[in-house]
Amino acid sequence: MDAVTILLDPAVVLFYTRIAQNAGISLEQVLSDALFKLAGELSLEAMQ
C-alpha cells in the first residue's frame, strides 16, 4: 500500500478520532474506510 499525507482541520480530526475510539479501531482505518466509501459512491454516481 502507498502512504498518503493529508491536511485536515482539527475539528475533522477530533470528529473522526471519536468515531475511531468508539469503534475500537485506529483513526487511520476510519479515514481510510470513509474515503473508500466516498470513492465508491462518487463512482456509482458518475456512471449514471
Protein backbone atom coordinates (compact mmCIF):
# COMPACT_ATOMS: atom_id res chain seq x y z
CA MET A 1 0.00 0.00 0.00
CA ASP A 2 1.04 3.58 -0.53
CA ALA A 3 1.12 6.14 2.26
CA VAL A 4 -0.60 9.47 1.64
CA THR A 5 -0.37 12.60 3.75
CA ILE A 6 -3.45 14.84 4.00
CA LEU A 7 -4.07 18.01 5.98
CA LEU A 8 -7.29 18.05 7.99
CA ASP A 9 -8.99 20.69 10.04
CA PRO A 10 -8.61 19.96 13.78
CA ALA A 11 -12.39 19.66 14.12
CA VAL A 12 -12.42 16.93 11.47
CA VAL A 13 -9.63 15.08 13.24
CA LEU A 14 -11.49 15.30 16.54
CA PHE A 15 -14.71 14.04 14.92
CA TYR A 16 -13.06 11.01 13.31
CA THR A 17 -10.92 10.34 16.39
CA ARG A 18 -14.09 9.99 18.47
CA ILE A 19 -15.56 7.63 15.90
CA ALA A 20 -12.35 5.58 15.93
CA GLN A 21 -12.34 5.38 19.72
CA ASN A 22 -15.99 4.30 19.82
CA ALA A 23 -15.38 1.67 17.15
CA GLY A 24 -12.14 0.46 18.73
CA ILE A 25 -10.10 0.97 15.58
CA SER A 26 -7.39 3.41 14.51
CA LEU A 27 -8.02 6.89 13.20
CA GLU A 28 -6.20 5.91 10.02
CA GLN A 29 -8.57 2.98 9.45
CA VAL A 30 -11.65 5.17 9.97
CA LEU A 31 -10.35 7.74 7.50
CA SER A 32 -9.41 5.04 5.00
CA ASP A 33 -12.85 3.44 5.24
CA ALA A 34 -14.61 6.79 4.90
CA LEU A 35 -12.60 7.75 1.82
CA PHE A 36 -13.09 4.32 0.24
CA LYS A 37 -16.85 4.53 0.76
CA LEU A 38 -16.97 8.05 -0.69
CA ALA A 39 -14.96 6.95 -3.72
CA GLY A 40 -17.41 4.13 -4.35
CA GLU A 41 -20.42 6.41 -4.05
CA LEU A 42 -18.89 9.00 -6.37
CA SER A 43 -18.00 6.29 -8.91
CA LEU A 44 -21.56 4.99 -8.94
CA GLU A 45 -22.93 8.49 -9.35
CA ALA A 46 -20.52 9.21 -12.20
CA MET A 47 -21.64 6.07 -14.07
CA GLN A 48 -25.31 7.10 -14.02
